[in-house]
Amino acid sequence: MNFDFYGLVNVGNRGQICLPLDVRRDFGIKSGEFVNIVFLKKMTGILITKDTPPKIGVLFENNKVQDSGQIILPKTLRDEHNIKEGMKFLVMKKKGSCLLLLDFNCLKTKLNTLLKKFEVLENEQ
């Protein structure tokens, strides 16, 4: 799979995240446009798309992009999935597709588990 990585974004006190300028430019997101926000339970992530969202998660709402590139994650999304101020999401884009924001702490935990399994396998040899 071919992904572009854009770094991390933090969730603000009102559920806002600011999409970096290069993300907005590469994805063609302009202020005043609306984007769809879909929660991906299996991946603990958020999918953002300008097109009709795929039926792979729970669509929360159509959200307007502010001048600063901010979007507000809906309160229902934050409440239902325990998204809190200060959480970090890794921002990435699959070529020709949508934006994907993955819970950074969840990714670190899964990666650490995988590395421990590799360590056990390595020690068995």
PDB file of N, CA and C in Angstrom:
ATOM      1  N   MET A   1       0.839  -1.185   0.000  1.00  0.00           N
ATOM      2  CA  MET A   1       0.000   0.000   0.000  1.00  0.00           C
ATOM      3  C   MET A   1       0.877   1.239   0.000  1.00  0.00           C
ATOM      4  N   ASN A   2       0.388   2.259  -0.618  1.00  0.00           N
ATOM      5  CA  ASN A   2       1.166   3.473  -0.756  1.00  0.00           C
ATOM      6  C   ASN A   2       0.499   4.609   0.016  1.00  0.00           C
ATOM      7  N   PHE A   3       1.123   5.035   1.098  1.00  0.00           N
ATOM      8  CA  PHE A   3       0.569   6.082   1.950  1.00  0.00           C
ATOM      9  C   PHE A   3       1.512   7.272   2.025  1.00  0.00           C
ATOM     10  N   ASP A   4       0.941   8.450   2.165  1.00  0.00           N
ATOM     11  CA  ASP A   4       1.700   9.648   2.513  1.00  0.00           C
ATOM     12  C   ASP A   4       1.444   9.910   3.988  1.00  0.00           C
ATOM     13  N   PHE A   5       2.504  10.176   4.743  1.00  0.00           N
ATOM     14  CA  PHE A   5       2.372  10.470   6.165  1.00  0.00           C
ATOM     15  C   PHE A   5       2.602  11.954   6.391  1.00  0.00           C
ATOM     16  N   TYR A   6       1.774  12.546   7.246  1.00  0.00           N
ATOM     17  CA  TYR A   6       1.827  13.990   7.471  1.00  0.00           C
ATOM     18  C   TYR A   6       2.135  14.367   8.914  1.00  0.00           C
ATOM     19  N   GLY A   7       2.383  13.422   9.773  1.00  0.00           N
ATOM     20  CA  GLY A   7       2.692  13.748  11.158  1.00  0.00           C
ATOM     21  C   GLY A   7       1.499  13.568  12.074  1.00  0.00           C
ATOM     22  N   LEU A   8       1.571  14.244  13.220  1.00  0.00           N
ATOM     23  CA  LEU A   8       0.551  14.096  14.261  1.00  0.00           C
ATOM     24  C   LEU A   8      -0.278  15.355  14.406  1.00  0.00           C
ATOM     25  N   VAL A   9      -1.550  15.174  14.774  1.00  0.00           N
ATOM     26  CA  VAL A   9      -2.409  16.296  15.151  1.00  0.00           C
ATOM     27  C   VAL A   9      -2.948  16.013  16.545  1.00  0.00           C
ATOM     28  N   ASN A  10      -3.165  17.078  17.303  1.00  0.00           N
ATOM     29  CA  ASN A  10      -3.719  16.971  18.653  1.00  0.00           C
ATOM     30  C   ASN A  10      -5.182  17.354  18.644  1.00  0.00           C
ATOM     31  N   VAL A  11      -5.946  16.728  19.520  1.00  0.00           N
ATOM     32  CA  VAL A  11      -7.348  17.097  19.711  1.00  0.00           C
ATOM     33  C   VAL A  11      -7.391  18.242  20.713  1.00  0.00           C
ATOM     34  N   GLY A  12      -8.070  19.323  20.348  1.00  0.00           N
ATOM     35  CA  GLY A  12      -8.200  20.491  21.225  1.00  0.00           C
ATOM     36  C   GLY A  12      -9.330  20.328  22.230  1.00  0.00           C
ATOM     37  N   ASN A  13      -9.500  21.331  23.091  1.00  0.00           N
ATOM     38  CA  ASN A  13     -10.474  21.233  24.181  1.00  0.00           C
ATOM     39  C   ASN A  13     -11.926  21.188  23.710  1.00  0.00           C
ATOM     40  N   ARG A  14     -12.215  21.644  22.505  1.00  0.00           N
ATOM     41  CA  ARG A  14     -13.576  21.572  21.962  1.00  0.00           C
ATOM     42  C   ARG A  14     -13.690  20.482  20.889  1.00  0.00           C
ATOM     43  N   GLY A  15     -12.703  19.607  20.831  1.00  0.00           N
ATOM     44  CA  GLY A  15     -12.725  18.526  19.854  1.00  0.00           C
ATOM     45  C   GLY A  15     -12.177  18.922  18.502  1.00  0.00           C
ATOM     46  N   GLN A  16     -11.514  20.071  18.443  1.00  0.00           N
ATOM     47  CA  GLN A  16     -11.002  20.528  17.161  1.00  0.00           C
ATOM     48  C   GLN A  16      -9.643  19.900  16.855  1.00  0.00           C
ATOM     49  N   ILE A  17      -9.446  19.634  15.577  1.00  0.00           N
ATOM     50  CA  ILE A  17      -8.127  19.246  15.085  1.00  0.00           C
ATOM     51  C   ILE A  17      -7.826  20.171  13.916  1.00  0.00           C
ATOM     52  N   CYS A  18      -6.564  20.483  13.750  1.00  0.00           N
ATOM     53  CA  CYS A  18      -6.160  21.371  12.662  1.00  0.00           C
ATOM     54  C   CYS A  18      -5.405  20.545  11.630  1.00  0.00           C
ATOM     55  N   LEU A  19      -5.986  20.426  10.451  1.00  0.00           N
ATOM     56  CA  LEU A  19      -5.321  19.677   9.389  1.00  0.00           C
ATOM     57  C   LEU A  19      -4.163  20.507   8.857  1.00  0.00           C
ATOM     58  N   PRO A  20      -2.954  19.948   8.825  1.00  0.00           N
ATOM     59  CA  PRO A  20      -1.798  20.701   8.334  1.00  0.00           C
ATOM     60  C   PRO A  20      -2.024  21.215   6.908  1.00  0.00           C
ATOM     61  N   LEU A  21      -1.367  22.319   6.604  1.00  0.00           N
ATOM     62  CA  LEU A  21      -1.520  22.962   5.299  1.00  0.00           C
ATOM     63  C   LEU A  21      -1.207  22.007   4.153  1.00  0.00           C
ATOM     64  N   ASP A  22      -0.129  21.211   4.283  1.00  0.00           N
ATOM     65  CA  ASP A  22       0.213  20.296   3.190  1.00  0.00           C
ATOM     66  C   ASP A  22      -0.850  19.220   2.994  1.00  0.00           C
ATOM     67  N   VAL A  23      -1.524  18.813   4.074  1.00  0.00           N
ATOM     68  CA  VAL A  23      -2.630  17.854   3.963  1.00  0.00           C
ATOM     69  C   VAL A  23      -3.767  18.478   3.164  1.00  0.00           C
ATOM     70  N   ARG A  24      -4.123  19.712   3.544  1.00  0.00           N
ATOM     71  CA  ARG A  24      -5.226  20.399   2.859  1.00  0.00           C
ATOM     72  C   ARG A  24      -4.894  20.631   1.388  1.00  0.00           C
ATOM     73  N   ARG A  25      -3.659  21.007   1.123  1.00  0.00           N
ATOM     74  CA  ARG A  25      -3.244  21.262  -0.261  1.00  0.00           C
ATOM     75  C   ARG A  25      -3.271  19.962  -1.073  1.00  0.00           C
ATOM     76  N   ASP A  26      -2.642  18.913  -0.560  1.00  0.00           N
ATOM     77  CA  ASP A  26      -2.563  17.646  -1.291  1.00  0.00           C
ATOM     78  C   ASP A  26      -3.929  16.988  -1.470  1.00  0.00           C
ATOM     79  N   PHE A  27      -4.808  17.183  -0.507  1.00  0.00           N
ATOM     80  CA  PHE A  27      -6.127  16.553  -0.544  1.00  0.00           C
ATOM     81  C   PHE A  27      -7.168  17.463  -1.196  1.00  0.00           C
ATOM     82  N   GLY A  28      -6.777  18.719  -1.449  1.00  0.00           N
ATOM     83  CA  GLY A  28      -7.687  19.661  -2.098  1.00  0.00           C
ATOM     84  C   GLY A  28      -8.799  20.155  -1.195  1.00  0.00           C
ATOM     85  N   ILE A  29      -8.502  20.294   0.102  1.00  0.00           N
ATOM     86  CA  ILE A  29      -9.501  20.770   1.064  1.00  0.00           C
ATOM     87  C   ILE A  29      -9.368  22.282   1.198  1.00  0.00           C
ATOM     88  N   LYS A  30     -10.458  22.969   0.970  1.00  0.00           N
ATOM     89  CA  LYS A  30     -10.466  24.434   1.085  1.00  0.00           C
ATOM     90  C   LYS A  30     -11.381  24.849   2.228  1.00  0.00           C
ATOM     91  N   SER A  31     -11.082  26.004   2.832  1.00  0.00           N
ATOM     92  CA  SER A  31     -11.934  26.477   3.920  1.00  0.00           C
ATOM     93  C   SER A  31     -13.344  26.701   3.382  1.00  0.00           C
ATOM     94  N   GLY A  32     -14.317  26.393   4.214  1.00  0.00           N
ATOM     95  CA  GLY A  32     -15.717  26.526   3.835  1.00  0.00           C
ATOM     96  C   GLY A  32     -16.301  25.269   3.216  1.00  0.00           C
ATOM     97  N   GLU A  33     -15.437  24.344   2.777  1.00  0.00           N
ATOM     98  CA  GLU A  33     -15.930  23.080   2.224  1.00  0.00           C
ATOM     99  C   GLU A  33     -16.396  22.177   3.357  1.00  0.00           C
ATOM    100  N   PHE A  34     -17.188  21.193   2.998  1.00  0.00           N
ATOM    101  CA  PHE A  34     -17.645  20.216   3.976  1.00  0.00           C
ATOM    102  C   PHE A  34     -16.941  18.893   3.735  1.00  0.00           C
ATOM    103  N   VAL A  35     -16.598  18.209   4.825  1.00  0.00           N
ATOM    104  CA  VAL A  35     -15.993  16.880   4.747  1.00  0.00           C
ATOM    105  C   VAL A  35     -16.834  15.925   5.582  1.00  0.00           C
ATOM    106  N   ASN A  36     -16.813  14.657   5.206  1.00  0.00           N
ATOM    107  CA  ASN A  36     -17.506  13.620   5.967  1.00  0.00           C
ATOM    108  C   ASN A  36     -16.543  13.040   6.990  1.00  0.00           C
ATOM    109  N   ILE A  37     -17.049  12.797   8.193  1.00  0.00           N
ATOM    110  CA  ILE A  37     -16.237  12.219   9.265  1.00  0.00           C
ATOM    111  C   ILE A  37     -16.820  10.850   9.608  1.00  0.00           C
ATOM    112  N   VAL A  38     -15.989   9.812   9.469  1.00  0.00           N
ATOM    113  CA  VAL A  38     -16.411   8.436   9.705  1.00  0.00           C
ATOM    114  C   VAL A  38     -15.493   7.838  10.766  1.00  0.00           C
ATOM    115  N   PHE A  39     -16.060   7.188  11.795  1.00  0.00           N
ATOM    116  CA  PHE A  39     -15.241   6.532  12.810  1.00  0.00           C
ATOM    117  C   PHE A  39     -15.023   5.080  12.413  1.00  0.00           C
ATOM    118  N   LEU A  40     -13.765   4.637  12.476  1.00  0.00           N
ATOM    119  CA  LEU A  40     -13.389   3.263  12.136  1.00  0.00           C
ATOM    120  C   LEU A  40     -13.059   2.524  13.423  1.00  0.00           C
ATOM    121  N   LYS A  41     -14.002   1.753  13.924  1.00  0.00           N
ATOM    122  CA  LYS A  41     -13.850   1.110  15.226  1.00  0.00           C
ATOM    123  C   LYS A  41     -12.683   0.118  15.265  1.00  0.00           C
ATOM    124  N   LYS A  42     -12.564  -0.720  14.247  1.00  0.00           N
ATOM    125  CA  LYS A  42     -11.516  -1.749  14.256  1.00  0.00           C
ATOM    126  C   LYS A  42     -10.117  -1.152  14.288  1.00  0.00           C
ATOM    127  N   MET A  43      -9.960   0.016  13.689  1.00  0.00           N
ATOM    128  CA  MET A  43      -8.637   0.634  13.598  1.00  0.00           C
ATOM    129  C   MET A  43      -8.437   1.730  14.630  1.00  0.00           C
ATOM    130  N   THR A  44      -9.452   2.024  15.430  1.00  0.00           N
ATOM    131  CA  THR A  44      -9.436   3.168  16.327  1.00  0.00           C
ATOM    132  C   THR A  44      -8.951   4.388  15.558  1.00  0.00           C
ATOM    133  N   GLY A  45      -9.690   4.698  14.531  1.00  0.00           N
ATOM    134  CA  GLY A  45      -9.299   5.808  13.683  1.00  0.00           C
ATOM    135  C   GLY A  45     -10.482   6.563  13.124  1.00  0.00           C
ATOM    136  N   ILE A  46     -10.152   7.629  12.430  1.00  0.00           N
ATOM    137  CA  ILE A  46     -11.150   8.504  11.832  1.00  0.00           C
ATOM    138  C   ILE A  46     -10.810   8.656  10.359  1.00  0.00           C
ATOM    139  N   LEU A  47     -11.809   8.493   9.529  1.00  0.00           N
ATOM    140  CA  LEU A  47     -11.648   8.656   8.098  1.00  0.00           C
ATOM    141  C   LEU A  47     -12.304   9.979   7.707  1.00  0.00           C
ATOM    142  N   ILE A  48     -11.617  10.773   6.912  1.00  0.00           N
ATOM    143  CA  ILE A  48     -12.156  12.054   6.457  1.00  0.00           C
ATOM    144  C   ILE A  48     -12.156  12.038   4.933  1.00  0.00           C
ATOM    145  N   THR A  49     -13.317  12.293   4.360  1.00  0.00           N
ATOM    146  CA  THR A  49     -13.443  12.265   2.907  1.00  0.00           C
ATOM    147  C   THR A  49     -14.374  13.365   2.423  1.00  0.00           C
ATOM    148  N   LYS A  50     -14.095  13.870   1.235  1.00  0.00           N
ATOM    149  CA  LYS A  50     -14.978  14.865   0.626  1.00  0.00           C
ATOM    150  C   LYS A  50     -16.075  14.171  -0.178  1.00  0.00           C
ATOM    151  N   ASP A  51     -15.833  12.935  -0.571  1.00  0.00           N
ATOM    152  CA  ASP A  51     -16.781  12.176  -1.381  1.00  0.00           C
ATOM    153  C   ASP A  51     -17.754  11.413  -0.490  1.00  0.00           C
ATOM    154  N   THR A  52     -18.644  10.661  -1.119  1.00  0.00           N
ATOM    155  CA  THR A  52     -19.549   9.794  -0.367  1.00  0.00           C
ATOM    156  C   THR A  52     -18.692   8.808   0.412  1.00  0.00           C
ATOM    157  N   PRO A  53     -18.866   8.752   1.737  1.00  0.00           N
ATOM    158  CA  PRO A  53     -17.992   7.884   2.534  1.00  0.00           C
ATOM    159  C   PRO A  53     -18.268   6.408   2.286  1.00  0.00           C
ATOM    160  N   PRO A  54     -17.213   5.591   2.333  1.00  0.00           N
ATOM    161  CA  PRO A  54     -17.404   4.147   2.190  1.00  0.00           C
ATOM    162  C   PRO A  54     -18.151   3.606   3.402  1.00  0.00           C
ATOM    163  N   LYS A  55     -18.824   2.490   3.228  1.00  0.00           N
ATOM    164  CA  LYS A  55     -19.617   1.911   4.326  1.00  0.00           C
ATOM    165  C   LYS A  55     -18.750   0.981   5.165  1.00  0.00           C
ATOM    166  N   ILE A  56     -17.702   1.540   5.746  1.00  0.00           N
ATOM    167  CA  ILE A  56     -16.789   0.727   6.554  1.00  0.00           C
ATOM    168  C   ILE A  56     -16.738   1.196   7.994  1.00  0.00           C
ATOM    169  N   GLY A  57     -17.524   2.167   8.334  1.00  0.00           N
ATOM    170  CA  GLY A  57     -17.517   2.697   9.694  1.00  0.00           C
ATOM    171  C   GLY A  57     -18.821   3.414   9.971  1.00  0.00           C
ATOM    172  N   VAL A  58     -18.830   4.187  11.033  1.00  0.00           N
ATOM    173  CA  VAL A  58     -20.015   4.934  11.437  1.00  0.00           C
ATOM    174  C   VAL A  58     -19.857   6.380  10.982  1.00  0.00           C
ATOM    175  N   LEU A  59     -20.749   6.828  10.085  1.00  0.00           N
ATOM    176  CA  LEU A  59     -20.719   8.213   9.618  1.00  0.00           C
ATOM    177  C   LEU A  59     -21.281   9.099  10.713  1.00  0.00           C
ATOM    178  N   PHE A  60     -20.507  10.100  11.110  1.00  0.00           N
ATOM    179  CA  PHE A  60     -20.975  10.994  12.160  1.00  0.00           C
ATOM    180  C   PHE A  60     -21.588  12.263  11.611  1.00  0.00           C
ATOM    181  N   GLU A  61     -20.954  12.917  10.711  1.00  0.00           N
ATOM    182  CA  GLU A  61     -21.590  14.095  10.127  1.00  0.00           C
ATOM    183  C   GLU A  61     -20.725  14.714   9.051  1.00  0.00           C
ATOM    184  N   ASN A  62     -21.356  15.608   8.346  1.00  0.00           N
ATOM    185  CA  ASN A  62     -20.704  16.449   7.360  1.00  0.00           C
ATOM    186  C   ASN A  62     -20.209  17.666   8.127  1.00  0.00           C
ATOM    187  N   ASN A  63     -18.947  18.002   8.040  1.00  0.00           N
ATOM    188  CA  ASN A  63     -18.370  19.033   8.890  1.00  0.00           C
ATOM    189  C   ASN A  63     -17.681  20.095   8.044  1.00  0.00           C
ATOM    190  N   LYS A  64     -17.895  21.349   8.383  1.00  0.00           N
ATOM    191  CA  LYS A  64     -17.316  22.460   7.632  1.00  0.00           C
ATOM    192  C   LYS A  64     -15.863  22.698   8.060  1.00  0.00           C
ATOM    193  N   VAL A  65     -14.986  22.885   7.073  1.00  0.00           N
ATOM    194  CA  VAL A  65     -13.579  23.189   7.333  1.00  0.00           C
ATOM    195  C   VAL A  65     -13.452  24.694   7.568  1.00  0.00           C
ATOM    196  N   GLN A  66     -12.855  25.074   8.699  1.00  0.00           N
ATOM    197  CA  GLN A  66     -12.683  26.484   9.051  1.00  0.00           C
ATOM    198  C   GLN A  66     -11.498  27.082   8.289  1.00  0.00           C
ATOM    199  N   ASP A  67     -11.366  28.406   8.340  1.00  0.00           N
ATOM    200  CA  ASP A  67     -10.280  29.102   7.634  1.00  0.00           C
ATOM    201  C   ASP A  67      -8.899  28.596   8.029  1.00  0.00           C
ATOM    202  N   SER A  68      -8.732  28.240   9.287  1.00  0.00           N
ATOM    203  CA  SER A  68      -7.427  27.798   9.783  1.00  0.00           C
ATOM    204  C   SER A  68      -7.149  26.327   9.470  1.00  0.00           C
ATOM    205  N   GLY A  69      -8.085  25.666   8.783  1.00  0.00           N
ATOM    206  CA  GLY A  69      -7.923  24.243   8.505  1.00  0.00           C
ATOM    207  C   GLY A  69      -8.470  23.370   9.609  1.00  0.00           C
ATOM    208  N   GLN A  70      -9.125  23.990  10.579  1.00  0.00           N
ATOM    209  CA  GLN A  70      -9.689  23.220  11.685  1.00  0.00           C
ATOM    210  C   GLN A  70     -10.990  22.552  11.280  1.00  0.00           C
ATOM    211  N   ILE A  71     -11.167  21.353  11.826  1.00  0.00           N
ATOM    212  CA  ILE A  71     -12.476  20.716  11.799  1.00  0.00           C
ATOM    213  C   ILE A  71     -12.778  20.303  13.230  1.00  0.00           C
ATOM    214  N   ILE A  72     -14.042  20.308  13.561  1.00  0.00           N
ATOM    215  CA  ILE A  72     -14.457  19.924  14.914  1.00  0.00           C
ATOM    216  C   ILE A  72     -14.977  18.495  14.858  1.00  0.00           C
ATOM    217  N   LEU A  73     -14.377  17.623  15.663  1.00  0.00           N
ATOM    218  CA  LEU A  73     -14.891  16.266  15.765  1.00  0.00           C
ATOM    219  C   LEU A  73     -16.202  16.339  16.546  1.00  0.00           C
ATOM    220  N   PRO A  74     -17.279  15.764  16.021  1.00  0.00           N
ATOM    221  CA  PRO A  74     -18.583  15.868  16.679  1.00  0.00           C
ATOM    222  C   PRO A  74     -18.548  15.358  18.118  1.00  0.00           C
ATOM    223  N   LYS A  75     -19.293  16.022  18.988  1.00  0.00           N
ATOM    224  CA  LYS A  75     -19.335  15.652  20.409  1.00  0.00           C
ATOM    225  C   LYS A  75     -19.799  14.208  20.581  1.00  0.00           C
ATOM    226  N   THR A  76     -20.770  13.785  19.781  1.00  0.00           N
ATOM    227  CA  THR A  76     -21.238  12.396  19.895  1.00  0.00           C
ATOM    228  C   THR A  76     -20.109  11.414  19.589  1.00  0.00           C
ATOM    229  N   LEU A  77     -19.284  11.725  18.606  1.00  0.00           N
ATOM    230  CA  LEU A  77     -18.128  10.887  18.269  1.00  0.00           C
ATOM    231  C   LEU A  77     -17.147  10.853  19.434  1.00  0.00           C
ATOM    232  N   ARG A  78     -16.839  12.038  19.972  1.00  0.00           N
ATOM    233  CA  ARG A  78     -15.880  12.114  21.084  1.00  0.00           C
ATOM    234  C   ARG A  78     -16.393  11.371  22.309  1.00  0.00           C
ATOM    235  N   ASP A  79     -17.675  11.547  22.620  1.00  0.00           N
ATOM    236  CA  ASP A  79     -18.248  10.892  23.801  1.00  0.00           C
ATOM    237  C   ASP A  79     -18.311   9.374  23.636  1.00  0.00           C
ATOM    238  N   GLU A  80     -18.798   8.915  22.485  1.00  0.00           N
ATOM    239  CA  GLU A  80     -18.969   7.474  22.264  1.00  0.00           C
ATOM    240  C   GLU A  80     -17.645   6.723  22.192  1.00  0.00           C
ATOM    241  N   HIS A  81     -16.585   7.398  21.759  1.00  0.00           N
ATOM    242  CA  HIS A  81     -15.315   6.699  21.532  1.00  0.00           C
ATOM    243  C   HIS A  81     -14.175   7.241  22.391  1.00  0.00           C
ATOM    244  N   ASN A  82     -14.553   7.950  23.450  1.00  0.00           N
ATOM    245  CA  ASN A  82     -13.600   8.403  24.462  1.00  0.00           C
ATOM    246  C   ASN A  82     -12.430   9.192  23.864  1.00  0.00           C
ATOM    247  N   ILE A  83     -12.744  10.089  22.942  1.00  0.00           N
ATOM    248  CA  ILE A  83     -11.724  10.949  22.347  1.00  0.00           C
ATOM    249  C   ILE A  83     -11.627  12.196  23.207  1.00  0.00           C
ATOM    250  N   LYS A  84     -10.468  12.411  23.784  1.00  0.00           N
ATOM    251  CA  LYS A  84     -10.265  13.486  24.761  1.00  0.00           C
ATOM    252  C   LYS A  84      -9.274  14.528  24.253  1.00  0.00           C
ATOM    253  N   GLU A  85      -9.332  15.678  24.890  1.00  0.00           N
ATOM    254  CA  GLU A  85      -8.364  16.743  24.615  1.00  0.00           C
ATOM    255  C   GLU A  85      -6.949  16.201  24.816  1.00  0.00           C
ATOM    256  N   GLY A  86      -6.058  16.542  23.907  1.00  0.00           N
ATOM    257  CA  GLY A  86      -4.661  16.115  24.016  1.00  0.00           C
ATOM    258  C   GLY A  86      -4.345  14.811  23.297  1.00  0.00           C
ATOM    259  N   MET A  87      -5.386  14.045  22.910  1.00  0.00           N
ATOM    260  CA  MET A  87      -5.113  12.815  22.155  1.00  0.00           C
ATOM    261  C   MET A  87      -4.399  13.167  20.859  1.00  0.00           C
ATOM    262  N   LYS A  88      -3.547  12.267  20.430  1.00  0.00           N
ATOM    263  CA  LYS A  88      -2.800  12.478  19.191  1.00  0.00           C
ATOM    264  C   LYS A  88      -3.263  11.470  18.140  1.00  0.00           C
ATOM    265  N   PHE A  89      -3.368  11.966  16.915  1.00  0.00           N
ATOM    266  CA  PHE A  89      -3.716  11.106  15.791  1.00  0.00           C
ATOM    267  C   PHE A  89      -2.655  11.251  14.710  1.00  0.00           C
ATOM    268  N   LEU A  90      -2.228  10.118  14.162  1.00  0.00           N
ATOM    269  CA  LEU A  90      -1.307  10.100  13.033  1.00  0.00           C
ATOM    270  C   LEU A  90      -2.126  10.358  11.770  1.00  0.00           C
ATOM    271  N   VAL A  91      -1.708  11.358  10.992  1.00  0.00           N
ATOM    272  CA  VAL A  91      -2.437  11.729   9.775  1.00  0.00           C
ATOM    273  C   VAL A  91      -1.742  11.109   8.571  1.00  0.00           C
ATOM    274  N   MET A  92      -2.497  10.379   7.771  1.00  0.00           N
ATOM    275  CA  MET A  92      -1.951   9.772   6.571  1.00  0.00           C
ATOM    276  C   MET A  92      -3.004   9.759   5.476  1.00  0.00           C
ATOM    277  N   LYS A  93      -2.543   9.625   4.260  1.00  0.00           N
ATOM    278  CA  LYS A  93      -3.447   9.600   3.115  1.00  0.00           C
ATOM    279  C   LYS A  93      -3.014   8.494   2.177  1.00  0.00           C
ATOM    280  N   LYS A  94      -3.968   7.664   1.805  1.00  0.00           N
ATOM    281  CA  LYS A  94      -3.704   6.658   0.784  1.00  0.00           C
ATOM    282  C   LYS A  94      -3.842   7.344  -0.561  1.00  0.00           C
ATOM    283  N   LYS A  95      -2.917   7.070  -1.446  1.00  0.00           N
ATOM    284  CA  LYS A  95      -2.930   7.708  -2.768  1.00  0.00           C
ATOM    285  C   LYS A  95      -4.310   7.579  -3.412  1.00  0.00           C
ATOM    286  N   GLY A  96      -4.850   8.709  -3.856  1.00  0.00           N
ATOM    287  CA  GLY A  96      -6.130   8.723  -4.550  1.00  0.00           C
ATOM    288  C   GLY A  96      -7.309   8.342  -3.690  1.00  0.00           C
ATOM    289  N   SER A  97      -7.182   8.533  -2.388  1.00  0.00           N
ATOM    290  CA  SER A  97      -8.247   8.080  -1.497  1.00  0.00           C
ATOM    291  C   SER A  97      -8.604   9.168  -0.500  1.00  0.00           C
ATOM    292  N   CYS A  98      -8.821   8.772   0.737  1.00  0.00           N
ATOM    293  CA  CYS A  98      -9.248   9.704   1.774  1.00  0.00           C
ATOM    294  C   CYS A  98      -8.171   9.827   2.852  1.00  0.00           C
ATOM    295  N   LEU A  99      -8.403  10.762   3.760  1.00  0.00           N
ATOM    296  CA  LEU A  99      -7.491  10.943   4.890  1.00  0.00           C
ATOM    297  C   LEU A  99      -7.821   9.929   5.970  1.00  0.00           C
ATOM    298  N   LEU A 100      -6.801   9.469   6.649  1.00  0.00           N
ATOM    299  CA  LEU A 100      -6.970   8.525   7.734  1.00  0.00           C
ATOM    300  C   LEU A 100      -6.233   9.068   8.945  1.00  0.00           C
ATOM    301  N   LEU A 101      -6.924   9.179  10.068  1.00  0.00           N
ATOM    302  CA  LEU A 101      -6.326   9.622  11.325  1.00  0.00           C
ATOM    303  C   LEU A 101      -6.393   8.446  12.282  1.00  0.00           C
ATOM    304  N   LEU A 102      -5.234   7.942  12.700  1.00  0.00           N
ATOM    305  CA  LEU A 102      -5.178   6.782  13.588  1.00  0.00           C
ATOM    306  C   LEU A 102      -4.713   7.197  14.973  1.00  0.00           C
ATOM    307  N   ASP A 103      -5.362   6.646  15.992  1.00  0.00           N
ATOM    308  CA  ASP A 103      -5.015   6.930  17.383  1.00  0.00           C
ATOM    309  C   ASP A 103      -3.556   6.523  17.613  1.00  0.00           C
ATOM    310  N   PHE A 104      -2.717   7.506  17.904  1.00  0.00           N
ATOM    311  CA  PHE A 104      -1.280   7.277  18.017  1.00  0.00           C
ATOM    312  C   PHE A 104      -0.938   6.354  19.186  1.00  0.00           C
ATOM    313  N   ASN A 105      -1.592   6.516  20.335  1.00  0.00           N
ATOM    314  CA  ASN A 105      -1.307   5.651  21.485  1.00  0.00           C
ATOM    315  C   ASN A 105      -1.700   4.211  21.202  1.00  0.00           C
ATOM    316  N   CYS A 106      -2.805   4.022  20.515  1.00  0.00           N
ATOM    317  CA  CYS A 106      -3.233   2.676  20.136  1.00  0.00           C
ATOM    318  C   CYS A 106      -2.202   2.041  19.199  1.00  0.00           C
ATOM    319  N   LEU A 107      -1.709   2.821  18.248  1.00  0.00           N
ATOM    320  CA  LEU A 107      -0.676   2.318  17.331  1.00  0.00           C
ATOM    321  C   LEU A 107       0.594   1.929  18.077  1.00  0.00           C
ATOM    322  N   LYS A 108       1.009   2.778  19.035  1.00  0.00           N
ATOM    323  CA  LYS A 108       2.224   2.479  19.812  1.00  0.00           C
ATOM    324  C   LYS A 108       2.053   1.179  20.583  1.00  0.00           C
ATOM    325  N   THR A 109       0.889   0.987  21.191  1.00  0.00           N
ATOM    326  CA  THR A 109       0.627  -0.225  21.964  1.00  0.00           C
ATOM    327  C   THR A 109       0.683  -1.458  21.070  1.00  0.00           C
ATOM    328  N   LYS A 110       0.033  -1.387  19.920  1.00  0.00           N
ATOM    329  CA  LYS A 110       0.037  -2.528  18.996  1.00  0.00           C
ATOM    330  C   LYS A 110       1.443  -2.818  18.477  1.00  0.00           C
ATOM    331  N   LEU A 111       2.197  -1.773  18.184  1.00  0.00           N
ATOM    332  CA  LEU A 111       3.562  -1.948  17.698  1.00  0.00           C
ATOM    333  C   LEU A 111       4.446  -2.562  18.783  1.00  0.00           C
ATOM    334  N   ASN A 112       4.317  -2.102  20.028  1.00  0.00           N
ATOM    335  CA  ASN A 112       5.098  -2.673  21.131  1.00  0.00           C
ATOM    336  C   ASN A 112       4.778  -4.148  21.321  1.00  0.00           C
ATOM    337  N   THR A 113       3.501  -4.519  21.219  1.00  0.00           N
ATOM    338  CA  THR A 113       3.101  -5.921  21.336  1.00  0.00           C
ATOM    339  C   THR A 113       3.742  -6.748  20.230  1.00  0.00           C
ATOM    340  N   LEU A 114       3.716  -6.234  19.024  1.00  0.00           N
ATOM    341  CA  LEU A 114       4.316  -6.924  17.886  1.00  0.00           C
ATOM    342  C   LEU A 114       5.822  -7.077  18.067  1.00  0.00           C
ATOM    343  N   LEU A 115       6.491  -6.023  18.532  1.00  0.00           N
ATOM    344  CA  LEU A 115       7.937  -6.085  18.744  1.00  0.00           C
ATOM    345  C   LEU A 115       8.300  -7.104  19.818  1.00  0.00           C
ATOM    346  N   LYS A 116       7.491  -7.206  20.872  1.00  0.00           N
ATOM    347  CA  LYS A 116       7.735  -8.201  21.926  1.00  0.00           C
ATOM    348  C   LYS A 116       7.603  -9.611  21.368  1.00  0.00           C
ATOM    349  N   LYS A 117       6.623  -9.825  20.486  1.00  0.00           N
ATOM    350  CA  LYS A 117       6.459 -11.145  19.873  1.00  0.00           C
ATOM    351  C   LYS A 117       7.666 -11.486  19.005  1.00  0.00           C
ATOM    352  N   PHE A 118       8.172 -10.509  18.268  1.00  0.00           N
ATOM    353  CA  PHE A 118       9.376 -10.730  17.464  1.00  0.00           C
ATOM    354  C   PHE A 118      10.568 -11.064  18.358  1.00  0.00           C
ATOM    355  N   GLU A 119      10.667 -10.379  19.489  1.00  0.00           N
ATOM    356  CA  GLU A 119      11.762 -10.618  20.427  1.00  0.00           C
ATOM    357  C   GLU A 119      11.714 -12.049  20.953  1.00  0.00           C
ATOM    358  N   VAL A 120      10.516 -12.526  21.294  1.00  0.00           N
ATOM    359  CA  VAL A 120      10.355 -13.897  21.781  1.00  0.00           C
ATOM    360  C   VAL A 120      10.768 -14.881  20.690  1.00  0.00           C
ATOM    361  N   LEU A 121      10.321 -14.650  19.478  1.00  0.00           N
ATOM    362  CA  LEU A 121      10.689 -15.532  18.365  1.00  0.00           C
ATOM    363  C   LEU A 121      12.192 -15.538  18.132  1.00  0.00           C
ATOM    364  N   GLU A 122      12.797 -14.382  18.225  1.00  0.00           N
ATOM    365  CA  GLU A 122      14.239 -14.267  18.019  1.00  0.00           C
ATOM    366  C   GLU A 122      15.006 -15.025  19.098  1.00  0.00           C
ATOM    367  N   ASN A 123      14.548 -14.952  20.344  1.00  0.00           N
ATOM    368  CA  ASN A 123      15.217 -15.629  21.458  1.00  0.00           C
ATOM    369  C   ASN A 123      15.053 -17.143  21.395  1.00  0.00           C
ATOM    370  N   GLU A 124      13.998 -17.615  20.727  1.00  0.00           N
ATOM    371  CA  GLU A 124      13.766 -19.055  20.613  1.00  0.00           C
ATOM    372  C   GLU A 124      14.715 -19.707  19.615  1.00  0.00           C
ATOM    373  N   GLN A 125      15.296 -18.911  18.737  1.00  0.00           N
ATOM    374  CA  GLN A 125      16.168 -19.492  17.705  1.00  0.00           C
ATOM    375  C   GLN A 125      17.554 -19.733  18.211  1.00  0.00           C
TER     376      GLN A 125
END
